[in-house]
């Protein structure tokens, strides 16, 4: 059974987004010692001196490998399909030359499997065909030379690009980003208005999408939809998924098209401090703080706390550690101490600040600064 990937030629320009990408490379076989040329080229095939041949003679070109990518005209659209069929043969009449020792053959069309190579691959070899001559009875004429032919086929440069519609994204499990992978190739057109371009005619260069190719997505953080994330490209060459996360970090989203290439984009889910609760402990101190974050569970976040005193005094101190994993709560003691028997001056306390920074495992962070006492008794106060 033949398997086909389809590439619709719709003339869509592709914009390469700034994403890290690796392109899979499919190398073609090395060239044979025989001559080289394109489809519809003339090839001279010699036979041993003195050989008796019953005409007419037919040349047979045998392709041991898969047919490969080839152009198809289907109604209003022209597209390129991948044909995995192996062992195809192509025949052409062989015209005897005046020397009586050779034949001229026109290399048949549609033998090519157009070469799709990575933009990182500098060159790809030809399609190597075995060549034989058969007489009128279908018997192979022994000793015909050359026995191989290096068929030069049109080459297309592959691009796999990927981008995220939104970045950064809130790690709340609700906010999401749409990730689109695009597969395209750049190379010579094979048809114009549904009519195949004749050999020798100029072929315009087009960048066109690879449609109906299965792409597998995987990611390193959060949720990807659909799941499993196996998506066929549409006729614009796009395959689309959405990603979300209830944890902070960097989601590495990879799109893979087997045998074609892959690309990776980073979607950032940085932590965010959303608010603070300040509770004054009677009668004189401390004021305790509880910071709210996205993600709601702060267990994997590192908190760094700092007291920023207003000018004029040196009073008070934090009650908890300066830094710690999951340390969303802390406090500021501003009660009586040696140099301030009545506690810190209240106006000065309100002018002083608390600075808190939250950092995720990938180094993304958010920082908020607020008054040490202005929000006491007000419940959760949202921070800009």
Protein backbone atom coordinates (compact mmCIF):
# COMPACT_ATOMS: atom_id res chain seq x y z
CA UNK A 1 0.00 0.00 0.00
CA UNK A 2 1.28 3.44 -0.92
CA UNK A 3 1.55 6.01 1.86
CA UNK A 4 1.29 9.66 0.90
CA UNK A 5 2.08 12.99 2.53
CA UNK A 6 0.52 15.88 0.63
CA UNK A 7 1.92 19.34 -0.09
CA UNK A 8 -0.55 21.82 -1.53
CA UNK A 9 1.00 24.58 -3.62
CA UNK A 10 -0.87 27.71 -2.62
CA UNK A 11 1.96 30.23 -2.72
CA UNK A 12 1.94 31.11 1.00
CA UNK A 13 4.91 33.13 2.22
CA UNK A 14 6.43 31.87 5.46
CA UNK A 15 7.75 34.20 8.15
CA UNK A 16 10.40 32.59 10.32
CA UNK A 17 9.70 33.33 13.98
CA UNK A 18 12.62 33.60 16.40
CA UNK A 19 12.52 30.05 17.64
CA UNK A 20 15.30 27.58 18.20
CA UNK A 21 14.98 24.83 15.60
CA UNK A 22 16.79 21.69 14.48
CA UNK A 23 16.10 20.34 11.03
CA UNK A 24 16.15 16.60 10.38
CA UNK A 25 18.28 15.69 7.35
CA UNK A 26 17.42 12.85 4.96
CA UNK A 27 20.54 12.07 2.93
CA UNK A 28 20.23 10.65 -0.57
CA UNK A 29 22.57 7.90 -1.85
CA UNK A 30 26.00 8.79 -3.18
CA UNK A 31 26.30 9.23 -6.94
CA UNK A 32 27.24 6.21 -9.04
CA UNK A 33 30.17 6.17 -11.53
CA UNK A 34 27.68 6.54 -14.42
CA UNK A 35 26.66 9.73 -16.27
CA UNK A 36 24.32 12.32 -14.81
CA UNK A 37 21.47 14.38 -16.16
CA UNK A 38 17.91 15.48 -15.74
CA UNK A 39 14.63 13.99 -16.94
CA UNK A 40 14.14 14.33 -20.73
CA UNK A 41 17.92 14.40 -21.27
CA UNK A 42 19.53 12.36 -24.06
CA UNK A 43 21.57 9.35 -22.94
CA UNK A 44 23.81 7.25 -25.14
CA UNK A 45 23.95 3.55 -24.25
CA UNK A 46 26.59 1.36 -25.93
CA UNK A 47 26.43 -2.36 -26.61
CA UNK A 48 29.35 -4.81 -27.05
CA UNK A 49 30.96 -4.82 -30.49
CA UNK A 50 29.53 -7.51 -32.75
CA UNK A 51 26.40 -8.00 -30.64
CA UNK A 52 23.37 -9.09 -32.65
CA UNK A 53 20.24 -7.30 -31.46
CA UNK A 54 16.65 -7.87 -32.51
CA UNK A 55 14.86 -4.52 -32.58
CA UNK A 56 13.05 -2.50 -31.61
CA UNK A 57 15.07 -1.92 -28.43
CA UNK A 58 13.69 -0.51 -25.19
CA UNK A 59 15.65 1.15 -22.39
CA UNK A 60 14.56 0.40 -18.84
CA UNK A 61 15.43 2.65 -15.88
CA UNK A 62 14.99 0.87 -12.52
CA UNK A 63 14.68 2.74 -9.22
CA UNK A 64 15.38 0.50 -6.22
CA UNK A 65 14.43 3.18 -3.69
CA UNK A 66 11.12 4.90 -2.95
CA UNK A 67 9.58 7.05 -5.65
CA UNK A 68 9.62 9.95 -3.17
CA UNK A 69 8.10 13.41 -3.47
CA UNK A 70 6.50 14.10 -6.84
CA UNK A 71 4.25 16.79 -8.25
CA UNK A 72 0.57 16.09 -8.88
CA UNK A 73 -2.06 18.24 -10.57
CA UNK A 74 -5.47 17.68 -9.03
CA UNK A 75 -8.22 19.85 -10.41
CA UNK A 76 -7.96 23.44 -9.26
CA UNK A 77 -5.02 22.73 -6.95
CA UNK A 78 -1.51 21.51 -7.51
CA UNK A 79 0.21 19.66 -4.71
CA UNK A 80 3.16 17.44 -3.97
CA UNK A 81 2.64 13.93 -2.61
CA UNK A 82 5.06 11.47 -1.07
CA UNK A 83 4.98 8.03 -2.67
CA UNK A 84 6.78 5.29 -0.71
CA UNK A 85 6.56 2.73 -3.53
CA UNK A 86 9.91 1.06 -4.24
CA UNK A 87 11.18 -0.87 -7.25
CA UNK A 88 9.54 1.23 -9.96
CA UNK A 89 10.68 0.91 -13.57
CA UNK A 90 10.43 3.46 -16.37
CA UNK A 91 10.73 2.56 -20.05
CA UNK A 92 11.74 4.60 -23.08
CA UNK A 93 12.38 3.67 -26.74
CA UNK A 94 16.04 3.32 -27.71
CA UNK A 95 16.94 4.67 -31.15
CA UNK A 96 19.91 3.00 -32.91
CA UNK A 97 22.78 5.27 -33.85
CA UNK A 98 24.66 5.22 -37.17
CA UNK A 99 27.72 3.59 -35.60
CA UNK A 100 25.73 0.40 -35.05
CA UNK A 101 27.19 0.09 -31.56
CA UNK A 102 24.99 2.42 -29.49
CA UNK A 103 21.50 3.72 -28.87
CA UNK A 104 20.15 7.13 -27.92
CA UNK A 105 17.54 7.21 -25.18
CA UNK A 106 15.48 10.11 -23.83
CA UNK A 107 15.41 9.81 -20.03
CA UNK A 108 11.72 9.37 -19.07
CA UNK A 109 9.80 11.90 -17.00
CA UNK A 110 8.15 11.29 -13.58
CA UNK A 111 11.06 9.15 -12.41
CA UNK A 112 12.28 11.89 -10.10
CA UNK A 113 11.61 11.98 -6.42
CA UNK A 114 12.14 15.65 -5.75
CA UNK A 115 14.75 16.16 -3.06
CA UNK A 116 13.59 17.90 0.11
CA UNK A 117 16.61 18.80 2.20
CA UNK A 118 17.30 20.80 5.33
CA UNK A 119 18.35 24.42 5.01
CA UNK A 120 21.43 23.26 6.95
CA UNK A 121 22.31 20.59 4.34
CA UNK A 122 24.58 22.00 1.66
CA UNK A 123 23.90 19.39 -1.00
CA UNK A 124 22.06 16.16 -1.67
CA UNK A 125 23.01 13.45 -4.14
CA UNK A 126 21.11 12.37 -7.25
CA UNK A 127 18.64 9.51 -7.61
CA UNK A 128 20.64 6.53 -8.87
CA UNK A 129 18.85 4.43 -11.52
CA UNK A 130 19.93 1.10 -12.98
CA UNK A 131 19.93 1.15 -16.79
CA UNK A 132 19.38 -1.82 -19.10
CA UNK A 133 18.45 -2.44 -22.74
CA UNK A 134 15.92 -5.06 -23.81
CA UNK A 135 15.41 -6.43 -27.29
CA UNK A 136 12.13 -7.04 -29.10
CA UNK A 137 11.62 -10.29 -27.17
CA UNK A 138 12.11 -8.56 -23.80
CA UNK A 139 15.52 -10.13 -23.24
CA UNK A 140 18.21 -8.02 -21.53
CA UNK A 141 21.10 -7.12 -23.83
CA UNK A 142 24.17 -8.11 -21.84
CA UNK A 143 27.12 -5.75 -21.55
CA UNK A 144 25.21 -2.51 -22.24
CA UNK A 145 26.98 0.53 -20.82
CA UNK A 146 26.46 2.62 -18.76
CA UNK A 147 24.59 0.38 -16.31
CA UNK A 148 23.68 3.24 -13.95
CA UNK A 149 22.45 6.78 -14.41
CA UNK A 150 22.56 9.63 -11.88
CA UNK A 151 19.21 11.34 -12.27
CA UNK A 152 19.40 14.99 -11.23
CA UNK A 153 16.12 16.07 -9.65
CA UNK A 154 14.80 19.43 -8.49
CA UNK A 155 15.73 20.29 -4.92
CA UNK A 156 13.60 21.96 -2.27
CA UNK A 157 14.84 23.52 0.95
CA UNK A 158 12.87 22.56 4.03
CA UNK A 159 11.94 24.92 6.85
CA UNK A 160 10.25 23.99 10.11
CA UNK A 161 9.22 27.01 12.17
CA UNK A 162 7.33 27.28 15.43
CA UNK A 163 5.85 30.18 17.38
CA UNK A 164 3.67 30.85 20.41
CA UNK A 165 0.72 33.24 20.20
CA UNK A 166 1.24 34.46 23.76
CA UNK A 167 4.40 34.65 25.83
CA UNK A 168 4.64 35.00 28.79
CA UNK A 169 1.58 33.15 30.11
CA UNK A 170 0.15 33.13 33.64
CA UNK A 171 0.80 29.79 35.39
CA UNK A 172 -2.75 29.55 36.73
CA UNK A 173 -3.89 26.53 34.72
CA UNK A 174 -6.40 28.69 32.82
CA UNK A 175 -4.36 31.14 30.76
CA UNK A 176 -2.97 29.50 27.64
CA UNK A 177 -0.87 29.98 24.54
CA UNK A 178 -1.48 28.63 21.05
CA UNK A 179 1.62 27.02 19.57
CA UNK A 180 1.81 26.71 15.79
CA UNK A 181 4.36 24.66 13.87
CA UNK A 182 4.68 25.41 10.15
CA UNK A 183 6.26 23.12 7.57
CA UNK A 184 7.26 24.60 4.22
CA UNK A 185 9.64 24.05 1.33
CA UNK A 186 11.22 26.42 -1.18
CA UNK A 187 11.98 25.26 -4.70
CA UNK A 188 10.97 25.27 -8.36
CA UNK A 189 7.29 25.06 -9.29
CA UNK A 190 6.24 22.02 -11.35
CA UNK A 191 2.89 23.32 -12.63
CA UNK A 192 1.53 26.68 -13.73
CA UNK A 193 -2.27 27.01 -13.73
CA UNK A 194 -2.58 23.22 -13.57
CA UNK A 195 -0.32 22.62 -16.58
CA UNK A 196 3.04 20.90 -16.07
CA UNK A 197 6.02 23.04 -16.97
CA UNK A 198 7.76 21.51 -19.97
CA UNK A 199 11.38 20.34 -19.74
CA UNK A 200 13.78 23.18 -20.40
CA UNK A 201 11.29 25.90 -19.50
CA UNK A 202 12.00 28.29 -16.63
CA UNK A 203 10.52 27.27 -13.29
CA UNK A 204 9.62 30.04 -10.83
CA UNK A 205 10.85 29.54 -7.26
CA UNK A 206 8.07 29.29 -4.69
CA UNK A 207 7.87 28.88 -0.94
CA UNK A 208 5.00 26.52 -0.33
CA UNK A 209 3.51 24.63 2.62
CA UNK A 210 3.63 20.95 3.42
CA UNK A 211 0.02 20.00 4.09
CA UNK A 212 -1.58 16.95 5.71
CA UNK A 213 1.67 15.84 7.33
CA UNK A 214 1.39 14.35 10.82
CA UNK A 215 3.21 16.37 13.49
CA UNK A 216 3.79 15.11 17.03
CA UNK A 217 4.09 17.68 19.81
CA UNK A 218 5.58 17.15 23.25
CA UNK A 219 6.22 19.58 26.08
CA UNK A 220 8.16 19.75 29.33
CA UNK A 221 5.67 21.54 31.62
CA UNK A 222 1.95 21.69 32.19
CA UNK A 223 -0.82 20.55 29.85
CA UNK A 224 -0.93 20.24 26.06
CA UNK A 225 -4.17 19.94 24.07
CA UNK A 226 -4.99 17.74 22.25
CA UNK A 227 -3.46 14.87 24.15
CA UNK A 228 -1.93 12.82 22.66
CA UNK A 229 -0.74 15.79 20.61
CA UNK A 230 -0.67 14.25 17.12
CA UNK A 231 -1.88 16.88 14.68
CA UNK A 232 -1.91 16.97 10.87
CA UNK A 233 -0.82 20.18 9.18
CA UNK A 234 -3.57 22.03 7.35
CA UNK A 235 -3.25 23.20 3.76
CA UNK A 236 -1.25 26.20 4.98
CA UNK A 237 1.31 23.82 6.53
CA UNK A 238 0.23 24.66 10.10
CA UNK A 239 -0.22 22.24 13.00
CA UNK A 240 -1.66 23.80 16.16
CA UNK A 241 -1.84 22.91 19.87
CA UNK A 242 -2.52 24.87 23.07
CA UNK A 243 -0.43 24.77 26.25
CA UNK A 244 -1.21 25.83 29.82
CA UNK A 245 0.33 25.25 33.24
CA UNK A 246 -0.56 25.44 36.92
CA UNK A 247 3.16 25.56 37.78
CA UNK A 248 5.74 28.25 37.08
CA UNK A 249 8.63 27.53 34.73
CA UNK A 250 9.61 27.39 31.09
CA UNK A 251 7.69 24.98 28.88
CA UNK A 252 9.80 23.64 26.01
CA UNK A 253 7.33 22.74 23.27
CA UNK A 254 8.72 20.56 20.48
CA UNK A 255 7.06 19.76 17.15
CA UNK A 256 8.34 16.69 15.30
CA UNK A 257 7.49 15.53 11.78
CA UNK A 258 9.04 12.11 11.34
CA UNK A 259 11.62 12.03 8.57
CA UNK A 260 11.17 15.74 7.88
CA UNK A 261 12.36 17.84 10.83
CA UNK A 262 11.54 19.35 14.19
CA UNK A 263 11.52 22.69 15.98
CA UNK A 264 11.33 23.91 19.60
CA UNK A 265 9.88 27.04 21.16
CA UNK A 266 10.06 28.16 24.81
CA UNK A 267 6.78 29.27 26.38
CA UNK A 268 7.38 31.14 29.64
CA UNK A 269 5.11 30.71 32.67
CA UNK A 270 6.74 33.14 35.16
CA UNK A 271 5.52 33.42 38.77
CA UNK A 272 3.54 36.49 39.78
CA UNK A 273 2.93 38.10 43.18
CA UNK A 274 -0.71 39.16 43.19
CA UNK A 275 -1.37 40.46 46.71
CA UNK A 276 -0.47 40.64 50.39
CA UNK A 277 -2.27 40.29 53.70
CA UNK A 278 -0.95 42.30 56.67
CA UNK A 279 -2.00 41.31 60.20
CA UNK A 280 -0.94 43.40 63.21
CA UNK A 281 -0.39 41.30 66.33
CA UNK A 282 -1.58 43.16 69.42
CA UNK A 283 -0.52 44.89 71.55
CA UNK A 284 2.68 46.22 69.98
CA UNK A 285 4.13 43.87 67.32
CA UNK A 286 4.86 42.20 64.91
CA UNK A 287 3.03 42.78 61.64
CA UNK A 288 2.76 39.45 59.82
CA UNK A 289 2.67 39.15 56.03
CA UNK A 290 1.21 36.48 53.77
CA UNK A 291 1.91 36.86 50.06
CA UNK A 292 -0.45 35.47 47.40
CA UNK A 293 1.06 34.21 44.14
CA UNK A 294 0.32 32.68 40.79
CA UNK A 295 0.74 29.72 40.86
CA UNK A 296 -1.49 29.45 43.93
CA UNK A 297 0.70 26.78 45.52
CA UNK A 298 4.05 28.42 46.31
CA UNK A 299 5.87 25.26 47.41
CA UNK A 300 8.30 25.29 44.44
CA UNK A 301 8.99 29.04 44.53
CA UNK A 302 11.91 30.70 46.30
CA UNK A 303 10.99 33.81 48.29
CA UNK A 304 13.50 36.52 49.19
CA UNK A 305 12.44 39.11 51.79
CA UNK A 306 14.02 42.47 52.62
CA UNK A 307 13.15 45.36 54.95
CA UNK A 308 13.79 48.81 53.44
CA UNK A 309 13.82 51.37 56.29
CA UNK A 310 12.71 54.93 55.72
CA UNK A 311 15.34 57.60 56.45
CA UNK A 312 15.90 58.79 60.02
CA UNK A 313 15.76 55.64 62.16
CA UNK A 314 17.29 52.20 62.57
CA UNK A 315 14.57 50.18 64.18
CA UNK A 316 12.90 46.78 63.76
CA UNK A 317 13.75 43.61 61.90
CA UNK A 318 12.26 40.74 59.94
CA UNK A 319 10.97 37.88 62.07
CA UNK A 320 11.64 35.10 59.59
CA UNK A 321 14.46 33.98 57.29
CA UNK A 322 15.57 36.31 54.51
CA UNK A 323 15.08 33.58 51.89
CA UNK A 324 13.56 30.17 51.54
CA UNK A 325 11.63 27.71 49.36
CA UNK A 326 7.89 28.20 49.74
CA UNK A 327 8.48 31.03 52.25
CA UNK A 328 5.32 32.99 51.42
CA UNK A 329 4.90 34.20 55.01
CA UNK A 330 7.11 36.49 57.08
CA UNK A 331 6.83 39.32 59.59
CA UNK A 332 8.28 42.63 60.75
CA UNK A 333 8.93 43.28 64.44
CA UNK A 334 8.57 46.96 65.29
CA UNK A 335 7.90 46.77 69.07
CA UNK A 336 9.99 47.93 72.04
CA UNK A 337 13.71 47.28 71.90
CA UNK A 338 16.83 48.74 73.54
CA UNK A 339 17.14 51.93 71.53
CA UNK A 340 13.36 52.34 71.11
CA UNK A 341 11.66 51.49 74.44
CA UNK A 342 8.26 52.55 73.07
CA UNK A 343 8.72 50.73 69.78
CA UNK A 344 9.53 52.17 66.40
CA UNK A 345 8.02 55.57 65.50
CA UNK A 346 4.69 54.80 63.85
CA UNK A 347 4.96 57.37 61.06
CA UNK A 348 8.37 56.00 60.20
CA UNK A 349 6.99 52.44 60.17
CA UNK A 350 4.36 53.37 57.59
CA UNK A 351 7.00 55.08 55.45
CA UNK A 352 9.25 52.02 55.52
CA UNK A 353 8.87 49.24 52.92
CA UNK A 354 8.95 45.48 52.57
CA UNK A 355 10.43 44.08 49.37
CA UNK A 356 9.70 40.48 48.37
CA UNK A 357 10.95 38.60 45.30
CA UNK A 358 9.62 35.24 44.15
CA UNK A 359 11.71 33.07 41.78
CA UNK A 360 10.85 29.82 40.01
CA UNK A 361 13.11 26.84 39.22
CA UNK A 362 14.05 28.32 35.83
CA UNK A 363 15.13 31.68 37.26
CA UNK A 364 12.03 33.68 36.30
CA UNK A 365 11.02 36.13 39.00
CA UNK A 366 8.62 38.83 40.13
CA UNK A 367 9.24 41.52 42.76
CA UNK A 368 6.78 43.63 44.74
CA UNK A 369 7.37 46.40 47.30
CA UNK A 370 4.75 47.56 49.83
CA UNK A 371 4.41 49.57 53.07
CA UNK A 372 5.23 47.73 56.27
CA UNK A 373 1.85 48.66 57.85
CA UNK A 374 -0.45 50.52 55.44
CA UNK A 375 -2.54 47.40 54.61
CA UNK A 376 -3.11 46.11 58.15
CA UNK A 377 -6.62 44.80 58.76
CA UNK A 378 -7.70 45.13 55.09
CA UNK A 379 -7.58 41.44 54.14
CA UNK A 380 -5.92 40.48 50.88
CA UNK A 381 -4.78 43.65 49.12
CA UNK A 382 -4.02 43.35 45.40
CA UNK A 383 -0.58 44.55 44.36
CA UNK A 384 -0.02 46.20 40.96
